C-alpha atoms as a PDB file:
ATOM      1  CA  MET A   1      -6.257 -27.730  53.044  1.00  0.00           C
ATOM      2  CA  THR A   2      -7.247 -31.299  53.276  1.00  0.00           C
ATOM      3  CA  ASP A   3      -9.251 -33.149  56.427  1.00  0.00           C
ATOM      4  CA  ASN A   4      -5.994 -33.623  58.561  1.00  0.00           C
ATOM      5  CA  GLY A   5      -4.997 -29.789  58.265  1.00  0.00           C
ATOM      6  CA  ARG A   6      -2.697 -30.324  55.628  1.00  0.00           C
ATOM      7  CA  VAL A   7      -1.388 -28.204  52.421  1.00  0.00           C
ATOM      8  CA  PRO A   8      -2.296 -30.073  49.326  1.00  0.00           C
ATOM      9  CA  THR A   9       0.334 -30.459  47.330  1.00  0.00           C
ATOM     10  CA  THR A  10       0.002 -29.935  43.166  1.00  0.00           C
ATOM     11  CA  THR A  11       2.159 -31.148  40.680  1.00  0.00           C
ATOM     12  CA  PRO A  12       3.632 -28.477  38.664  1.00  0.00           C
ATOM     13  CA  ARG A  13       2.535 -28.082  35.250  1.00  0.00           C
ATOM     14  CA  PRO A  14       5.372 -28.828  32.228  1.00  0.00           C
ATOM     15  CA  HIS A  15       6.410 -25.486  30.382  1.00  0.00           C
ATOM     16  CA  PRO A  16       4.764 -25.857  26.855  1.00  0.00           C
ATOM     17  CA  GLY A  17       8.177 -24.298  25.966  1.00  0.00           C
ATOM     18  CA  ARG A  18       9.855 -27.069  26.818  1.00  0.00           C
ATOM     19  CA  ARG A  19       7.849 -29.942  25.248  1.00  0.00           C
ATOM     20  CA  THR A  20       7.967 -27.577  21.744  1.00  0.00           C
ATOM     21  CA  GLU A  21      11.505 -28.504  22.289  1.00  0.00           C
ATOM     22  CA  LEU A  22      10.798 -32.279  23.140  1.00  0.00           C
ATOM     23  CA  LEU A  23       8.458 -32.611  20.460  1.00  0.00           C
ATOM     24  CA  ALA A  24      11.126 -30.817  17.971  1.00  0.00           C
ATOM     25  CA  THR A  25      13.976 -33.167  19.061  1.00  0.00           C
ATOM     26  CA  ALA A  26      11.166 -36.442  19.025  1.00  0.00           C
ATOM     27  CA  ALA A  27      10.374 -35.264  15.755  1.00  0.00           C
ATOM     28  CA  SER A  28      13.922 -34.811  14.020  1.00  0.00           C
ATOM     29  CA  VAL A  29      15.095 -38.981  15.871  1.00  0.00           C
ATOM     30  CA  PHE A  30      11.971 -40.102  14.383  1.00  0.00           C
ATOM     31  CA  ALA A  31      12.935 -38.442  11.409  1.00  0.00           C
ATOM     32  CA  GLU A  32      16.411 -39.805  11.205  1.00  0.00           C
ATOM     33  CA  HIS A  33      15.895 -43.398  12.836  1.00  0.00           C
ATOM     34  CA  GLY A  34      12.021 -44.330  12.164  1.00  0.00           C
ATOM     35  CA  TYR A  35       9.126 -44.612  14.622  1.00  0.00           C
ATOM     36  CA  SER A  36       9.500 -48.041  15.549  1.00  0.00           C
ATOM     37  CA  ALA A  37      13.705 -48.039  16.079  1.00  0.00           C
ATOM     38  CA  THR A  38      13.373 -45.332  17.929  1.00  0.00           C
ATOM     39  CA  THR A  39      13.214 -45.632  21.878  1.00  0.00           C
ATOM     40  CA  VAL A  40      12.066 -43.063  24.278  1.00  0.00           C
ATOM     41  CA  ARG A  41      16.028 -43.042  25.808  1.00  0.00           C
ATOM     42  CA  ARG A  42      17.492 -42.109  22.387  1.00  0.00           C
ATOM     43  CA  ILE A  43      14.871 -39.294  22.707  1.00  0.00           C
ATOM     44  CA  ALA A  44      15.863 -38.264  26.098  1.00  0.00           C
ATOM     45  CA  ASP A  45      19.436 -39.114  25.326  1.00  0.00           C
ATOM     46  CA  GLU A  46      19.388 -36.131  21.701  1.00  0.00           C
ATOM     47  CA  ALA A  47      17.166 -33.741  24.604  1.00  0.00           C
ATOM     48  CA  GLY A  48      19.808 -34.006  27.330  1.00  0.00           C
ATOM     49  CA  ILE A  49      17.717 -35.346  30.039  1.00  0.00           C
ATOM     50  CA  LEU A  50      17.080 -38.619  31.512  1.00  0.00           C
ATOM     51  CA  ALA A  51      14.201 -40.982  30.310  1.00  0.00           C
ATOM     52  CA  GLY A  52      12.026 -41.110  32.894  1.00  0.00           C
ATOM     53  CA  SER A  53      12.063 -37.332  32.806  1.00  0.00           C
ATOM     54  CA  LEU A  54      10.824 -37.214  29.566  1.00  0.00           C
ATOM     55  CA  TYR A  55       7.369 -38.818  30.340  1.00  0.00           C
ATOM     56  CA  TYR A  56       6.646 -36.217  33.264  1.00  0.00           C
ATOM     57  CA  HIS A  57       5.796 -34.540  29.623  1.00  0.00           C
ATOM     58  CA  PHE A  58       4.634 -36.903  27.353  1.00  0.00           C
ATOM     59  CA  ASP A  59       2.912 -40.276  28.518  1.00  0.00           C
ATOM     60  CA  SER A  60       4.786 -42.388  25.271  1.00  0.00           C
ATOM     61  CA  LYS A  61       6.737 -42.252  22.327  1.00  0.00           C
ATOM     62  CA  GLU A  62       3.535 -42.598  20.803  1.00  0.00           C
ATOM     63  CA  SER A  63       1.935 -39.773  22.206  1.00  0.00           C
ATOM     64  CA  MET A  64       4.594 -37.550  21.219  1.00  0.00           C
ATOM     65  CA  LEU A  65       4.464 -39.254  17.057  1.00  0.00           C
ATOM     66  CA  ASP A  66       0.321 -38.552  17.597  1.00  0.00           C
ATOM     67  CA  GLU A  67       1.469 -34.372  18.682  1.00  0.00           C
ATOM     68  CA  ILE A  68       4.619 -33.864  16.127  1.00  0.00           C
ATOM     69  CA  LEU A  69       1.567 -35.679  13.061  1.00  0.00           C
ATOM     70  CA  SER A  70      -1.624 -33.880  14.245  1.00  0.00           C
ATOM     71  CA  ALA A  71       0.015 -30.291  15.017  1.00  0.00           C
ATOM     72  CA  PHE A  72       1.718 -30.645  11.190  1.00  0.00           C
ATOM     73  CA  LEU A  73      -1.229 -31.487   9.146  1.00  0.00           C
ATOM     74  CA  ASP A  74      -3.815 -28.764  11.422  1.00  0.00           C
ATOM     75  CA  GLU A  75      -1.582 -25.904  10.219  1.00  0.00           C
ATOM     76  CA  LEU A  76      -1.414 -27.205   6.322  1.00  0.00           C
ATOM     77  CA  TRP A  77      -4.877 -27.950   6.685  1.00  0.00           C
ATOM     78  CA  ALA A  78      -5.255 -24.576   8.061  1.00  0.00           C
ATOM     79  CA  GLY A  79      -3.374 -22.760   5.386  1.00  0.00           C
ATOM     80  CA  TYR A  80      -4.748 -25.003   2.405  1.00  0.00           C
ATOM     81  CA  ASP A  81      -8.095 -24.010   3.642  1.00  0.00           C
ATOM     82  CA  ALA A  82      -7.397 -19.952   3.063  1.00  0.00           C
ATOM     83  CA  VAL A  83      -5.840 -20.496  -0.369  1.00  0.00           C
ATOM     84  CA  LEU A  84      -9.532 -22.198  -1.159  1.00  0.00           C
ATOM     85  CA  ALA A  85     -11.471 -19.521   0.304  1.00  0.00           C
ATOM     86  CA  ALA A  86      -9.816 -17.013  -1.728  1.00  0.00           C
ATOM     87  CA  GLY A  87     -11.823 -17.467  -4.921  1.00  0.00           C
ATOM     88  CA  LEU A  88      -9.021 -17.822  -7.316  1.00  0.00           C
ATOM     89  CA  ALA A  89      -8.965 -18.483 -10.039  1.00  0.00           C
ATOM     90  CA  PRO A  90      -7.325 -21.931 -10.978  1.00  0.00           C
ATOM     91  CA  ARG A  91      -4.124 -21.705 -12.150  1.00  0.00           C
ATOM     92  CA  GLU A  92      -3.795 -19.136  -9.617  1.00  0.00           C
ATOM     93  CA  THR A  93      -4.918 -21.951  -6.807  1.00  0.00           C
ATOM     94  CA  LEU A  94      -2.485 -24.449  -7.825  1.00  0.00           C
ATOM     95  CA  ARG A  95       0.374 -21.604  -7.322  1.00  0.00           C
ATOM     96  CA  ALA A  96      -1.147 -21.093  -3.991  1.00  0.00           C
ATOM     97  CA  LEU A  97      -1.456 -24.454  -2.845  1.00  0.00           C
ATOM     98  CA  VAL A  98       2.026 -25.517  -4.528  1.00  0.00           C
ATOM     99  CA  THR A  99       3.287 -22.654  -2.516  1.00  0.00           C
ATOM    100  CA  GLU A 100       1.883 -23.114   1.229  1.00  0.00           C
ATOM    101  CA  SER A 101       2.850 -26.560   0.519  1.00  0.00           C
ATOM    102  CA  PHE A 102       6.713 -25.583   0.266  1.00  0.00           C
ATOM    103  CA  ARG A 103       6.194 -23.359   3.704  1.00  0.00           C
ATOM    104  CA  GLU A 104       4.870 -26.343   5.167  1.00  0.00           C
ATOM    105  CA  ILE A 105       8.157 -28.511   4.085  1.00  0.00           C
ATOM    106  CA  ASP A 106      10.254 -25.115   5.806  1.00  0.00           C
ATOM    107  CA  ARG A 107       8.220 -25.150   8.839  1.00  0.00           C
ATOM    108  CA  HIS A 108       7.960 -29.189   9.283  1.00  0.00           C
ATOM    109  CA  ARG A 109      10.618 -31.035   7.460  1.00  0.00           C
ATOM    110  CA  ALA A 110      10.660 -33.361  10.162  1.00  0.00           C
ATOM    111  CA  ALA A 111       7.178 -34.220  10.481  1.00  0.00           C
ATOM    112  CA  VAL A 112       6.365 -34.296   6.708  1.00  0.00           C
ATOM    113  CA  ALA A 113       9.409 -37.010   6.410  1.00  0.00           C
ATOM    114  CA  ILE A 114       7.873 -38.976   8.966  1.00  0.00           C
ATOM    115  CA  TYR A 115       4.787 -39.423   7.433  1.00  0.00           C
ATOM    116  CA  GLN A 116       5.877 -39.805   4.167  1.00  0.00           C
ATOM    117  CA  ARG A 117       8.125 -43.052   6.080  1.00  0.00           C
ATOM    118  CA  GLU A 118       5.022 -43.829   8.441  1.00  0.00           C
ATOM    119  CA  ALA A 119       1.762 -42.921   7.565  1.00  0.00           C
ATOM    120  CA  ARG A 120       0.782 -46.261   5.544  1.00  0.00           C
ATOM    121  CA  HIS A 121       1.720 -48.538   8.610  1.00  0.00           C
ATOM    122  CA  LEU A 122       0.324 -45.993  11.133  1.00  0.00           C
ATOM    123  CA  ALA A 123      -3.078 -45.584   9.336  1.00  0.00           C
ATOM    124  CA  GLY A 124      -4.081 -48.887  10.162  1.00  0.00           C
ATOM    125  CA  HIS A 125      -3.809 -48.148  14.287  1.00  0.00           C
ATOM    126  CA  PRO A 126      -6.887 -46.629  15.531  1.00  0.00           C
ATOM    127  CA  ARG A 127      -5.008 -43.559  16.929  1.00  0.00           C
ATOM    128  CA  PHE A 128      -3.677 -42.351  13.908  1.00  0.00           C
ATOM    129  CA  GLY A 129      -6.879 -43.068  11.471  1.00  0.00           C
ATOM    130  CA  TYR A 130      -6.801 -39.652  10.921  1.00  0.00           C
ATOM    131  CA  LEU A 131      -3.365 -39.703   8.554  1.00  0.00           C
ATOM    132  CA  ALA A 132      -5.817 -42.097   6.274  1.00  0.00           C
ATOM    133  CA  ALA A 133      -8.654 -38.969   5.662  1.00  0.00           C
ATOM    134  CA  SER A 134      -6.321 -36.547   5.720  1.00  0.00           C
ATOM    135  CA  GLN A 135      -4.554 -38.346   2.673  1.00  0.00           C
ATOM    136  CA  GLU A 136      -8.250 -38.733   0.750  1.00  0.00           C
ATOM    137  CA  ARG A 137      -8.954 -34.950   1.594  1.00  0.00           C
ATOM    138  CA  PHE A 138      -5.725 -34.159   0.040  1.00  0.00           C
ATOM    139  CA  GLU A 139      -6.563 -35.941  -3.370  1.00  0.00           C
ATOM    140  CA  ARG A 140      -9.777 -34.847  -3.546  1.00  0.00           C
ATOM    141  CA  MET A 141      -8.834 -31.282  -3.062  1.00  0.00           C
ATOM    142  CA  TRP A 142      -6.302 -31.167  -5.544  1.00  0.00           C
ATOM    143  CA  LEU A 143      -7.952 -33.749  -8.080  1.00  0.00           C
ATOM    144  CA  LYS A 144     -10.936 -31.299  -7.722  1.00  0.00           C
ATOM    145  CA  VAL A 145      -8.753 -27.651  -8.676  1.00  0.00           C
ATOM    146  CA  LEU A 146      -7.527 -29.706 -11.474  1.00  0.00           C
ATOM    147  CA  ARG A 147     -10.815 -30.698 -13.284  1.00  0.00           C
ATOM    148  CA  ARG A 148     -11.956 -27.166 -12.406  1.00  0.00           C
ATOM    149  CA  GLY A 149      -8.805 -26.130 -14.617  1.00  0.00           C
ATOM    150  CA  VAL A 150      -9.727 -28.322 -17.573  1.00  0.00           C
ATOM    151  CA  ALA A 151     -13.175 -27.616 -17.173  1.00  0.00           C
ATOM    152  CA  GLU A 152     -12.381 -23.742 -17.037  1.00  0.00           C
ATOM    153  CA  HIS A 153      -9.838 -23.799 -19.827  1.00  0.00           C
ATOM    154  CA  ALA A 154      -6.433 -22.958 -17.886  1.00  0.00           C
ATOM    155  CA  PHE A 155      -5.145 -26.428 -18.208  1.00  0.00           C
ATOM    156  CA  ARG A 156      -4.884 -28.589 -21.483  1.00  0.00           C
ATOM    157  CA  ALA A 157      -8.309 -30.477 -22.442  1.00  0.00           C
ATOM    158  CA  ASP A 158      -5.859 -33.614 -22.571  1.00  0.00           C
ATOM    159  CA  LEU A 159      -4.668 -33.210 -19.560  1.00  0.00           C
ATOM    160  CA  ASP A 160      -4.864 -36.489 -17.110  1.00  0.00           C
ATOM    161  CA  VAL A 161      -6.009 -35.321 -13.533  1.00  0.00           C
ATOM    162  CA  ARG A 162      -4.724 -38.049 -11.541  1.00  0.00           C
ATOM    163  CA  LEU A 163      -1.323 -38.318 -13.054  1.00  0.00           C
ATOM    164  CA  ALA A 164      -1.000 -34.575 -12.727  1.00  0.00           C
ATOM    165  CA  TYR A 165      -2.083 -35.415  -8.865  1.00  0.00           C
ATOM    166  CA  ARG A 166       0.270 -38.107  -8.629  1.00  0.00           C
ATOM    167  CA  PHE A 167       3.298 -35.871 -10.522  1.00  0.00           C
ATOM    168  CA  LEU A 168       2.501 -32.689  -8.717  1.00  0.00           C
ATOM    169  CA  ARG A 169       2.482 -34.879  -5.039  1.00  0.00           C
ATOM    170  CA  ASP A 170       5.283 -36.529  -5.697  1.00  0.00           C
ATOM    171  CA  THR A 171       7.896 -33.591  -6.947  1.00  0.00           C
ATOM    172  CA  VAL A 172       6.734 -31.157  -3.981  1.00  0.00           C
ATOM    173  CA  TRP A 173       6.503 -33.498  -0.472  1.00  0.00           C
ATOM    174  CA  VAL A 174      10.010 -34.884  -2.042  1.00  0.00           C
ATOM    175  CA  ALA A 175      11.416 -32.034  -1.225  1.00  0.00           C
ATOM    176  CA  ALA A 176      11.558 -32.649   2.246  1.00  0.00           C
ATOM    177  CA  SER A 177      14.019 -35.491   1.594  1.00  0.00           C
ATOM    178  CA  TRP A 178      16.767 -32.528   0.416  1.00  0.00           C
ATOM    179  CA  TYR A 179      15.419 -29.234   1.846  1.00  0.00           C
ATOM    180  CA  ARG A 180      16.924 -27.624   4.609  1.00  0.00           C
ATOM    181  CA  PRO A 181      15.895 -24.293   6.097  1.00  0.00           C
ATOM    182  CA  ASP A 182      19.310 -22.386   6.206  1.00  0.00           C
ATOM    183  CA  GLY A 183      19.792 -23.487   2.292  1.00  0.00           C
ATOM    184  CA  THR A 184      20.427 -20.792  -0.729  1.00  0.00           C
ATOM    185  CA  HIS A 185      16.867 -21.026  -1.631  1.00  0.00           C
ATOM    186  CA  GLY A 186      13.698 -20.040   0.288  1.00  0.00           C
ATOM    187  CA  PRO A 187      10.465 -21.996   0.355  1.00  0.00           C
ATOM    188  CA  GLU A 188       8.851 -19.137  -1.734  1.00  0.00           C
ATOM    189  CA  GLU A 189      11.425 -19.289  -4.257  1.00  0.00           C
ATOM    190  CA  ILE A 190      11.614 -22.791  -4.441  1.00  0.00           C
ATOM    191  CA  ALA A 191       8.303 -23.080  -5.560  1.00  0.00           C
ATOM    192  CA  GLU A 192       8.364 -20.585  -8.213  1.00  0.00           C
ATOM    193  CA  GLN A 193      10.978 -22.877  -9.320  1.00  0.00           C
ATOM    194  CA  TYR A 194       8.762 -25.572  -9.418  1.00  0.00           C
ATOM    195  CA  LEU A 195       5.600 -24.008 -10.704  1.00  0.00           C
ATOM    196  CA  SER A 196       7.896 -22.462 -13.885  1.00  0.00           C
ATOM    197  CA  ILE A 197       8.792 -26.134 -14.771  1.00  0.00           C
ATOM    198  CA  VAL A 198       5.137 -27.767 -14.087  1.00  0.00           C
ATOM    199  CA  LEU A 199       3.258 -24.972 -15.805  1.00  0.00           C
ATOM    200  CA  GLU A 200       5.740 -23.860 -18.390  1.00  0.00           C
ATOM    201  CA  GLY A 201       7.953 -26.669 -18.940  1.00  0.00           C
ATOM    202  CA  ILE A 202      11.965 -26.724 -19.660  1.00  0.00           C
ATOM    203  CA  ALA A 203      12.486 -27.213 -23.049  1.00  0.00           C
ATOM    204  CA  LEU A 204      12.952 -23.667 -25.058  1.00  0.00           C
ATOM    205  CA  ARG A 205       9.801 -22.345 -27.248  1.00  0.00           C
ATOM    206  CA  GLU A 206      10.515 -21.550 -30.913  1.00  0.00           C
END
């Protein structure tokens, strides 16, 4: 109770489930229209609420974007770290990392699309400095796996590891542009097809 005898009022906290729904809506809008072209009003319209109501949950569209991208990267690295901690052989490590990548595309397709479209521009913003750091960590991880595979004779001795890294990176993550969770193939099936092409090729062996 306050000094004047009134019972203090408190602002109810936003429901976490509603925040999750609004972030999913914002991610879809950012992915479709681009961050710069998206307004808070457009996100609110898609969510079926007033623009002012959105500020009850988030202080800005920048905050929404930050939560979308950081949640995606946190989950991605948790999956990658689990693979690396398993101590698998190079070939099995590559398979597990590619599979985990497709699972993340399945879970965070809109966030992946945003990352691909906006990361280079956002990386110069102090709030999004972690994007560049994550990209550097990603490259180091893949190069280490590929170099280890060459050293342990799991991959070809003449393999250009940087070229192989770029090929894997681009062929896997571009899938976010066409993958649909309700499609014919699940993420593990698509990963298996990609891995078959990468590791075995497409030409019929003599």
